[in-house]
Amino acid sequence: MTFQRARTEEQREIRRRAILDGASAMLDEMPVAAVTLNELSRRVGLAKPNVLRYFESREAVLLELLDLFLREWLAELAGELAAGVGEDLPMAERATAVAEILSRSLSGRVVLCDLFGAQGSVLERNVSVEVVTRYKRASLERLATMSGLLGKYLPELGEDATLVSLQAMVLAGALSAYSTPPPSLQAAYLAEPELGRFHMPLADSLKMALTATLLGVLPR
């Protein structure tokens, strides 16, 4: 794919969308750490300096994708919670159902979890104050959305709905790193099954962690 020079706002938006789509496709094939600007520019048919006209760094591209994927997930999560949590159930049963849905939903979005895991240590470091401020402002809106969803089904959480929402994202990022071991580690697990204790399936480990978090925060 090659582009002519963008001369209108519409053309510039097409370039931005192509860069984001290219990065998204790369994340379907490789972890966040393997995504490079050189390969991204090759895939979208733009010279690297031209990519940098639209995004100041690789991390800026990935932060925007993270926000996009987070918005998409929250839109789907609303329907999943509505279908899976009975609002008339006892509190503990509602908490268990919410934890189950969160863990199942997040574990089905490996790329989102990978981006969560890279956010604090990688993605927020090679960006300007302007970019990270814009991203954090958007994140506040996503956090409010998620807190509202949790509060709808677990009103007993009160203000702790925000804390639980943050912890769910952090846990998803941290635990996802252990759920997809690299080839060398997979080979080690096969050679010595005892080592497999270190392999934590994401859905199971998230469900346990989120259930414990919710039941621990809710009033007794």
C-alpha atoms as a PDB file:
ATOM      1  CA  MET A   1       0.000   0.000   0.000  1.00  0.00           C
ATOM      2  CA  THR A   2       1.327   3.484  -0.914  1.00  0.00           C
ATOM      3  CA  PHE A   3      -0.107   6.927  -0.271  1.00  0.00           C
ATOM      4  CA  GLN A   4       0.085  10.288  -1.957  1.00  0.00           C
ATOM      5  CA  ARG A   5       0.809  13.291   0.224  1.00  0.00           C
ATOM      6  CA  ALA A   6      -2.148  14.086   2.463  1.00  0.00           C
ATOM      7  CA  ARG A   7      -3.525  17.537   1.721  1.00  0.00           C
ATOM      8  CA  THR A   8      -6.870  17.573   3.518  1.00  0.00           C
ATOM      9  CA  GLU A   9      -8.019  16.696   7.007  1.00  0.00           C
ATOM     10  CA  GLU A  10      -9.921  13.746   5.582  1.00  0.00           C
ATOM     11  CA  GLN A  11      -6.786  12.423   3.895  1.00  0.00           C
ATOM     12  CA  ARG A  12      -4.778  12.865   7.086  1.00  0.00           C
ATOM     13  CA  GLU A  13      -7.391  10.905   9.007  1.00  0.00           C
ATOM     14  CA  ILE A  14      -7.154   8.127   6.423  1.00  0.00           C
ATOM     15  CA  ARG A  15      -3.378   7.994   7.044  1.00  0.00           C
ATOM     16  CA  ARG A  16      -3.875   7.853  10.803  1.00  0.00           C
ATOM     17  CA  ARG A  17      -6.453   5.108  10.459  1.00  0.00           C
ATOM     18  CA  ALA A  18      -4.165   3.103   8.187  1.00  0.00           C
ATOM     19  CA  ILE A  19      -1.324   3.368  10.719  1.00  0.00           C
ATOM     20  CA  LEU A  20      -3.591   2.233  13.556  1.00  0.00           C
ATOM     21  CA  ASP A  21      -4.987  -0.620  11.457  1.00  0.00           C
ATOM     22  CA  GLY A  22      -1.455  -1.690  10.550  1.00  0.00           C
ATOM     23  CA  ALA A  23      -0.376  -1.703  14.187  1.00  0.00           C
ATOM     24  CA  SER A  24      -3.509  -3.607  15.172  1.00  0.00           C
ATOM     25  CA  ALA A  25      -2.763  -6.276  12.557  1.00  0.00           C
ATOM     26  CA  MET A  26       0.793  -6.589  13.871  1.00  0.00           C
ATOM     27  CA  LEU A  27      -0.488  -7.106  17.410  1.00  0.00           C
ATOM     28  CA  ASP A  28      -2.570 -10.027  16.160  1.00  0.00           C
ATOM     29  CA  GLU A  29       0.718 -11.658  15.096  1.00  0.00           C
ATOM     30  CA  MET A  30       3.230 -10.612  17.738  1.00  0.00           C
ATOM     31  CA  PRO A  31       3.534  -9.243  21.291  1.00  0.00           C
ATOM     32  CA  VAL A  32       3.724  -5.523  21.993  1.00  0.00           C
ATOM     33  CA  ALA A  33       7.495  -5.696  22.480  1.00  0.00           C
ATOM     34  CA  ALA A  34       8.005  -6.944  18.899  1.00  0.00           C
ATOM     35  CA  VAL A  35       6.127  -4.074  17.208  1.00  0.00           C
ATOM     36  CA  THR A  36       8.571  -1.628  15.600  1.00  0.00           C
ATOM     37  CA  LEU A  37       8.114   1.596  13.676  1.00  0.00           C
ATOM     38  CA  ASN A  38      10.256   0.282  10.843  1.00  0.00           C
ATOM     39  CA  GLU A  39       8.014  -2.722  10.267  1.00  0.00           C
ATOM     40  CA  LEU A  40       4.868  -0.673  10.787  1.00  0.00           C
ATOM     41  CA  SER A  41       5.967   1.888   8.199  1.00  0.00           C
ATOM     42  CA  ARG A  42       6.784  -0.908   5.743  1.00  0.00           C
ATOM     43  CA  ARG A  43       3.364  -2.473   6.171  1.00  0.00           C
ATOM     44  CA  VAL A  44       1.394   0.729   5.703  1.00  0.00           C
ATOM     45  CA  GLY A  45       3.539   1.940   2.794  1.00  0.00           C
ATOM     46  CA  LEU A  46       4.757   5.125   4.462  1.00  0.00           C
ATOM     47  CA  ALA A  47       8.311   6.157   5.160  1.00  0.00           C
ATOM     48  CA  LYS A  48       9.129   6.183   8.853  1.00  0.00           C
ATOM     49  CA  PRO A  49       9.406  10.023   8.955  1.00  0.00           C
ATOM     50  CA  ASN A  50       5.914  10.196   7.470  1.00  0.00           C
ATOM     51  CA  VAL A  51       4.534   7.867  10.137  1.00  0.00           C
ATOM     52  CA  LEU A  52       6.075  10.193  12.713  1.00  0.00           C
ATOM     53  CA  ARG A  53       4.081  13.095  11.256  1.00  0.00           C
ATOM     54  CA  TYR A  54       0.943  11.435  12.587  1.00  0.00           C
ATOM     55  CA  PHE A  55       2.265   9.763  15.745  1.00  0.00           C
ATOM     56  CA  GLU A  56       5.328  10.968  17.584  1.00  0.00           C
ATOM     57  CA  SER A  57       6.504   7.454  18.515  1.00  0.00           C
ATOM     58  CA  ARG A  58       5.642   3.760  18.433  1.00  0.00           C
ATOM     59  CA  GLU A  59       4.311   4.146  21.970  1.00  0.00           C
ATOM     60  CA  ALA A  60       1.946   6.922  20.894  1.00  0.00           C
ATOM     61  CA  VAL A  61       0.442   4.606  18.274  1.00  0.00           C
ATOM     62  CA  LEU A  62      -0.009   1.819  20.807  1.00  0.00           C
ATOM     63  CA  LEU A  63      -1.526   4.114  23.446  1.00  0.00           C
ATOM     64  CA  GLU A  64      -4.167   5.220  20.972  1.00  0.00           C
ATOM     65  CA  LEU A  65      -4.870   1.586  20.107  1.00  0.00           C
ATOM     66  CA  LEU A  66      -5.143   0.750  23.798  1.00  0.00           C
ATOM     67  CA  ASP A  67      -7.810   3.401  24.245  1.00  0.00           C
ATOM     68  CA  LEU A  68      -9.649   2.187  21.151  1.00  0.00           C
ATOM     69  CA  PHE A  69      -9.601  -1.458  22.280  1.00  0.00           C
ATOM     70  CA  LEU A  70     -10.634  -0.457  25.794  1.00  0.00           C
ATOM     71  CA  ARG A  71     -13.661   1.443  24.488  1.00  0.00           C
ATOM     72  CA  GLU A  72     -14.672  -1.524  22.341  1.00  0.00           C
ATOM     73  CA  TRP A  73     -14.304  -3.905  25.271  1.00  0.00           C
ATOM     74  CA  LEU A  74     -16.362  -1.768  27.641  1.00  0.00           C
ATOM     75  CA  ALA A  75     -19.166  -1.527  25.071  1.00  0.00           C
ATOM     76  CA  GLU A  76     -19.300  -5.333  24.879  1.00  0.00           C
ATOM     77  CA  LEU A  77     -18.864  -5.754  28.625  1.00  0.00           C
ATOM     78  CA  ALA A  78     -22.074  -3.837  29.256  1.00  0.00           C
ATOM     79  CA  GLY A  79     -24.058  -6.452  27.337  1.00  0.00           C
ATOM     80  CA  GLU A  80     -22.202  -9.365  28.916  1.00  0.00           C
ATOM     81  CA  LEU A  81     -22.943  -8.123  32.427  1.00  0.00           C
ATOM     82  CA  ALA A  82     -26.585  -7.452  31.589  1.00  0.00           C
ATOM     83  CA  ALA A  83     -26.980 -10.998  30.287  1.00  0.00           C
ATOM     84  CA  GLY A  84     -25.037 -12.732  33.046  1.00  0.00           C
ATOM     85  CA  VAL A  85     -25.734 -10.975  36.357  1.00  0.00           C
ATOM     86  CA  GLY A  86     -29.111 -11.086  38.041  1.00  0.00           C
ATOM     87  CA  GLU A  87     -29.569  -7.844  39.962  1.00  0.00           C
ATOM     88  CA  ASP A  88     -31.838  -9.588  42.477  1.00  0.00           C
ATOM     89  CA  LEU A  89     -29.193 -12.169  43.480  1.00  0.00           C
ATOM     90  CA  PRO A  90     -27.489 -12.010  46.884  1.00  0.00           C
ATOM     91  CA  MET A  91     -24.397  -9.807  46.964  1.00  0.00           C
ATOM     92  CA  ALA A  92     -21.842 -12.627  47.064  1.00  0.00           C
ATOM     93  CA  GLU A  93     -23.443 -14.368  44.093  1.00  0.00           C
ATOM     94  CA  ARG A  94     -23.482 -11.139  42.101  1.00  0.00           C
ATOM     95  CA  ALA A  95     -19.815 -10.571  42.935  1.00  0.00           C
ATOM     96  CA  THR A  96     -18.901 -14.080  41.811  1.00  0.00           C
ATOM     97  CA  ALA A  97     -20.841 -13.635  38.573  1.00  0.00           C
ATOM     98  CA  VAL A  98     -19.186 -10.290  37.860  1.00  0.00           C
ATOM     99  CA  ALA A  99     -15.725 -11.770  38.473  1.00  0.00           C
ATOM    100  CA  GLU A 100     -16.530 -14.691  36.165  1.00  0.00           C
ATOM    101  CA  ILE A 101     -17.689 -12.391  33.367  1.00  0.00           C
ATOM    102  CA  LEU A 102     -14.760  -9.995  33.743  1.00  0.00           C
ATOM    103  CA  SER A 103     -12.209 -12.806  33.680  1.00  0.00           C
ATOM    104  CA  ARG A 104     -13.804 -14.565  30.714  1.00  0.00           C
ATOM    105  CA  SER A 105     -14.215 -11.337  28.768  1.00  0.00           C
ATOM    106  CA  LEU A 106     -10.689 -10.066  29.406  1.00  0.00           C
ATOM    107  CA  SER A 107      -9.000 -13.401  28.778  1.00  0.00           C
ATOM    108  CA  GLY A 108     -10.643 -13.449  25.355  1.00  0.00           C
ATOM    109  CA  ARG A 109      -8.881 -10.181  24.497  1.00  0.00           C
ATOM    110  CA  VAL A 110      -5.232 -11.136  24.606  1.00  0.00           C
ATOM    111  CA  VAL A 111      -4.029  -8.011  22.786  1.00  0.00           C
ATOM    112  CA  LEU A 112      -5.843  -5.689  25.184  1.00  0.00           C
ATOM    113  CA  CYS A 113      -4.317  -7.514  28.157  1.00  0.00           C
ATOM    114  CA  ASP A 114      -0.859  -7.341  26.547  1.00  0.00           C
ATOM    115  CA  LEU A 115      -1.271  -3.583  26.128  1.00  0.00           C
ATOM    116  CA  PHE A 116      -2.427  -3.242  29.745  1.00  0.00           C
ATOM    117  CA  GLY A 117       0.745  -5.038  30.804  1.00  0.00           C
ATOM    118  CA  ALA A 118       2.978  -2.725  28.774  1.00  0.00           C
ATOM    119  CA  GLN A 119       1.203   0.500  29.662  1.00  0.00           C
ATOM    120  CA  GLY A 120       3.070   1.635  32.766  1.00  0.00           C
ATOM    121  CA  SER A 121       6.491   0.181  32.001  1.00  0.00           C
ATOM    122  CA  VAL A 122       6.719   0.926  28.263  1.00  0.00           C
ATOM    123  CA  LEU A 123       3.894   2.784  26.550  1.00  0.00           C
ATOM    124  CA  GLU A 124       3.752   5.840  28.814  1.00  0.00           C
ATOM    125  CA  ARG A 125       7.521   6.448  28.740  1.00  0.00           C
ATOM    126  CA  ASN A 126       8.471   7.455  25.187  1.00  0.00           C
ATOM    127  CA  VAL A 127       5.724  10.022  24.711  1.00  0.00           C
ATOM    128  CA  SER A 128       5.378  13.754  25.240  1.00  0.00           C
ATOM    129  CA  VAL A 129       3.466  15.409  28.058  1.00  0.00           C
ATOM    130  CA  GLU A 130       0.779  16.371  25.543  1.00  0.00           C
ATOM    131  CA  VAL A 131       0.252  12.802  24.330  1.00  0.00           C
ATOM    132  CA  VAL A 132       0.238  11.159  27.745  1.00  0.00           C
ATOM    133  CA  THR A 133      -2.049  13.872  29.149  1.00  0.00           C
ATOM    134  CA  ARG A 134      -4.532  13.322  26.324  1.00  0.00           C
ATOM    135  CA  TYR A 135      -4.391   9.586  26.891  1.00  0.00           C
ATOM    136  CA  LYS A 136      -4.896   9.914  30.661  1.00  0.00           C
ATOM    137  CA  ARG A 137      -7.886  12.222  30.153  1.00  0.00           C
ATOM    138  CA  ALA A 138      -9.464   9.605  27.911  1.00  0.00           C
ATOM    139  CA  SER A 139      -8.582   6.935  30.482  1.00  0.00           C
ATOM    140  CA  LEU A 140     -10.539   8.807  33.133  1.00  0.00           C
ATOM    141  CA  GLU A 141     -13.621   8.542  30.922  1.00  0.00           C
ATOM    142  CA  ARG A 142     -13.085   4.794  30.402  1.00  0.00           C
ATOM    143  CA  LEU A 143     -12.545   4.328  34.132  1.00  0.00           C
ATOM    144  CA  ALA A 144     -15.792   6.150  34.875  1.00  0.00           C
ATOM    145  CA  THR A 145     -17.599   3.906  32.387  1.00  0.00           C
ATOM    146  CA  MET A 146     -16.244   0.720  33.930  1.00  0.00           C
ATOM    147  CA  SER A 147     -16.889   1.937  37.470  1.00  0.00           C
ATOM    148  CA  GLY A 148     -20.467   2.716  36.486  1.00  0.00           C
ATOM    149  CA  LEU A 149     -20.928  -0.786  35.083  1.00  0.00           C
ATOM    150  CA  LEU A 150     -19.601  -2.427  38.240  1.00  0.00           C
ATOM    151  CA  GLY A 151     -21.631  -0.098  40.428  1.00  0.00           C
ATOM    152  CA  LYS A 152     -24.809  -1.004  38.575  1.00  0.00           C
ATOM    153  CA  TYR A 153     -24.512  -4.676  39.523  1.00  0.00           C
ATOM    154  CA  LEU A 154     -22.648  -4.213  42.794  1.00  0.00           C
ATOM    155  CA  PRO A 155     -23.875  -0.903  44.252  1.00  0.00           C
ATOM    156  CA  GLU A 156     -22.452  -2.044  47.601  1.00  0.00           C
ATOM    157  CA  LEU A 157     -18.985  -1.218  46.223  1.00  0.00           C
ATOM    158  CA  GLY A 158     -19.665   2.497  46.436  1.00  0.00           C
ATOM    159  CA  GLU A 159     -16.523   4.503  45.624  1.00  0.00           C
ATOM    160  CA  ASP A 160     -14.493   1.285  45.659  1.00  0.00           C
ATOM    161  CA  ALA A 161     -15.902   0.496  42.195  1.00  0.00           C
ATOM    162  CA  THR A 162     -13.173   2.757  40.795  1.00  0.00           C
ATOM    163  CA  LEU A 163     -10.435   0.934  42.700  1.00  0.00           C
ATOM    164  CA  VAL A 164     -11.717  -2.468  41.593  1.00  0.00           C
ATOM    165  CA  SER A 165     -11.896  -1.295  37.978  1.00  0.00           C
ATOM    166  CA  LEU A 166      -8.271  -0.175  38.087  1.00  0.00           C
ATOM    167  CA  GLN A 167      -7.171  -3.386  39.745  1.00  0.00           C
ATOM    168  CA  ALA A 168      -8.965  -5.491  37.123  1.00  0.00           C
ATOM    169  CA  MET A 169      -6.993  -3.802  34.335  1.00  0.00           C
ATOM    170  CA  VAL A 170      -3.689  -4.067  36.197  1.00  0.00           C
ATOM    171  CA  LEU A 171      -4.293  -7.724  37.040  1.00  0.00           C
ATOM    172  CA  ALA A 172      -5.200  -8.518  33.440  1.00  0.00           C
ATOM    173  CA  GLY A 173      -1.954  -6.967  32.250  1.00  0.00           C
ATOM    174  CA  ALA A 174       0.233  -8.594  34.888  1.00  0.00           C
ATOM    175  CA  LEU A 175      -1.272 -12.078  34.659  1.00  0.00           C
ATOM    176  CA  SER A 176      -1.359 -12.142  30.852  1.00  0.00           C
ATOM    177  CA  ALA A 177       2.442 -12.187  30.802  1.00  0.00           C
ATOM    178  CA  TYR A 178       2.366 -15.591  32.490  1.00  0.00           C
ATOM    179  CA  SER A 179      -0.412 -17.054  30.353  1.00  0.00           C
ATOM    180  CA  THR A 180       1.460 -16.999  27.029  1.00  0.00           C
ATOM    181  CA  PRO A 181       4.967 -18.361  27.697  1.00  0.00           C
ATOM    182  CA  PRO A 182       7.553 -18.004  24.896  1.00  0.00           C
ATOM    183  CA  PRO A 183       8.524 -21.095  22.859  1.00  0.00           C
ATOM    184  CA  SER A 184      11.605 -21.850  24.955  1.00  0.00           C
ATOM    185  CA  LEU A 185       9.561 -21.875  28.150  1.00  0.00           C
ATOM    186  CA  GLN A 186       6.842 -23.980  26.561  1.00  0.00           C
ATOM    187  CA  ALA A 187       9.512 -26.513  25.635  1.00  0.00           C
ATOM    188  CA  ALA A 188      10.790 -26.496  29.224  1.00  0.00           C
ATOM    189  CA  TYR A 189       7.279 -27.150  30.531  1.00  0.00           C
ATOM    190  CA  LEU A 190       6.914 -30.089  28.150  1.00  0.00           C
ATOM    191  CA  ALA A 191      10.282 -31.521  29.133  1.00  0.00           C
ATOM    192  CA  GLU A 192       9.639 -31.093  32.862  1.00  0.00           C
ATOM    193  CA  PRO A 193       5.899 -31.051  33.603  1.00  0.00           C
ATOM    194  CA  GLU A 194       6.590 -30.068  37.220  1.00  0.00           C
ATOM    195  CA  LEU A 195       7.696 -26.651  35.938  1.00  0.00           C
ATOM    196  CA  GLY A 196       4.210 -26.153  34.543  1.00  0.00           C
ATOM    197  CA  ARG A 197       3.103 -24.917  37.942  1.00  0.00           C
ATOM    198  CA  PHE A 198       4.438 -21.538  36.855  1.00  0.00           C
ATOM    199  CA  HIS A 199       2.056 -21.448  33.879  1.00  0.00           C
ATOM    200  CA  MET A 200      -1.150 -19.694  34.911  1.00  0.00           C
ATOM    201  CA  PRO A 201      -4.060 -19.834  32.431  1.00  0.00           C
ATOM    202  CA  LEU A 202      -5.325 -16.272  32.202  1.00  0.00           C
ATOM    203  CA  ALA A 203      -9.051 -16.936  32.638  1.00  0.00           C
ATOM    204  CA  ASP A 204      -8.554 -19.107  35.721  1.00  0.00           C
ATOM    205  CA  SER A 205      -6.020 -16.867  37.445  1.00  0.00           C
ATOM    206  CA  LEU A 206      -8.019 -13.724  36.682  1.00  0.00           C
ATOM    207  CA  LYS A 207     -11.222 -15.275  38.002  1.00  0.00           C
ATOM    208  CA  MET A 208      -9.536 -16.217  41.261  1.00  0.00           C
ATOM    209  CA  ALA A 209      -7.894 -12.812  41.691  1.00  0.00           C
ATOM    210  CA  LEU A 210     -10.998 -10.798  40.801  1.00  0.00           C
ATOM    211  CA  THR A 211     -13.302 -12.912  42.959  1.00  0.00           C
ATOM    212  CA  ALA A 212     -10.966 -12.450  45.934  1.00  0.00           C
ATOM    213  CA  THR A 213     -10.742  -8.703  45.236  1.00  0.00           C
ATOM    214  CA  LEU A 214     -14.474  -8.178  44.998  1.00  0.00           C
ATOM    215  CA  LEU A 215     -15.372 -10.278  48.015  1.00  0.00           C
ATOM    216  CA  GLY A 216     -12.593  -8.614  50.008  1.00  0.00           C
ATOM    217  CA  VAL A 217     -13.729  -5.074  49.177  1.00  0.00           C
ATOM    218  CA  LEU A 218     -17.475  -5.580  49.583  1.00  0.00           C
ATOM    219  CA  PRO A 219     -18.940  -4.965  53.035  1.00  0.00           C
ATOM    220  CA  ARG A 220     -19.307  -8.044  55.198  1.00  0.00           C
END
